[in-house]
């Protein structure tokens, strides 16, 4: 699959070439610089926020909401806690306790259930297809025409995007990303 420009973004990440002591030393030299020990790197946003990556200029709270929704879906599956959480820094690559897999998975499933209850099943399914499956707004507009009152193609895509943004806003309020 070819990635759009919107799907690859530059972000500040920890500089792997600097030791911990070098970062501490640089912070002492430049205490007012918040970017000490950081470097720019290209980040694949499709992996992080799913289908929302194809849209430019998405507010940060919607990106966080989409990332959390995708992580909850992946980690809520049985054995899904072994999946990579792309929002956390990798610290330890040792195995995970099998009992902990079910405890964490159960917690994620409970939180995902609350999200689906806040959204409703239809809105939850549409959001799932968009974020997790990566289905485009245009395809969703064709599939879910009955939600959009059978309007024309371009208008349907715009209405579907507004519908998806509304779903993300509901979850952002639920999870405290938006007041």
Foldseek 3Di string as FASTA:
>chain_A
DDDDPLQKDKDKDADPVDDPVRQVVVCVVPVPDPRRRIDIDIDGLCVQQNLCSVDPPDDPLLSVLSNLLQLLVQLLPQQSVVPDNVVDDDDDDDDDDNVVSVVSNVVSVVVNVVLCVLQPVVLSVLLCCCGVVNDALQVSLVVPVVVVVNDDRVVSSVVSVVSNVVSSVSSSVVVVVDD
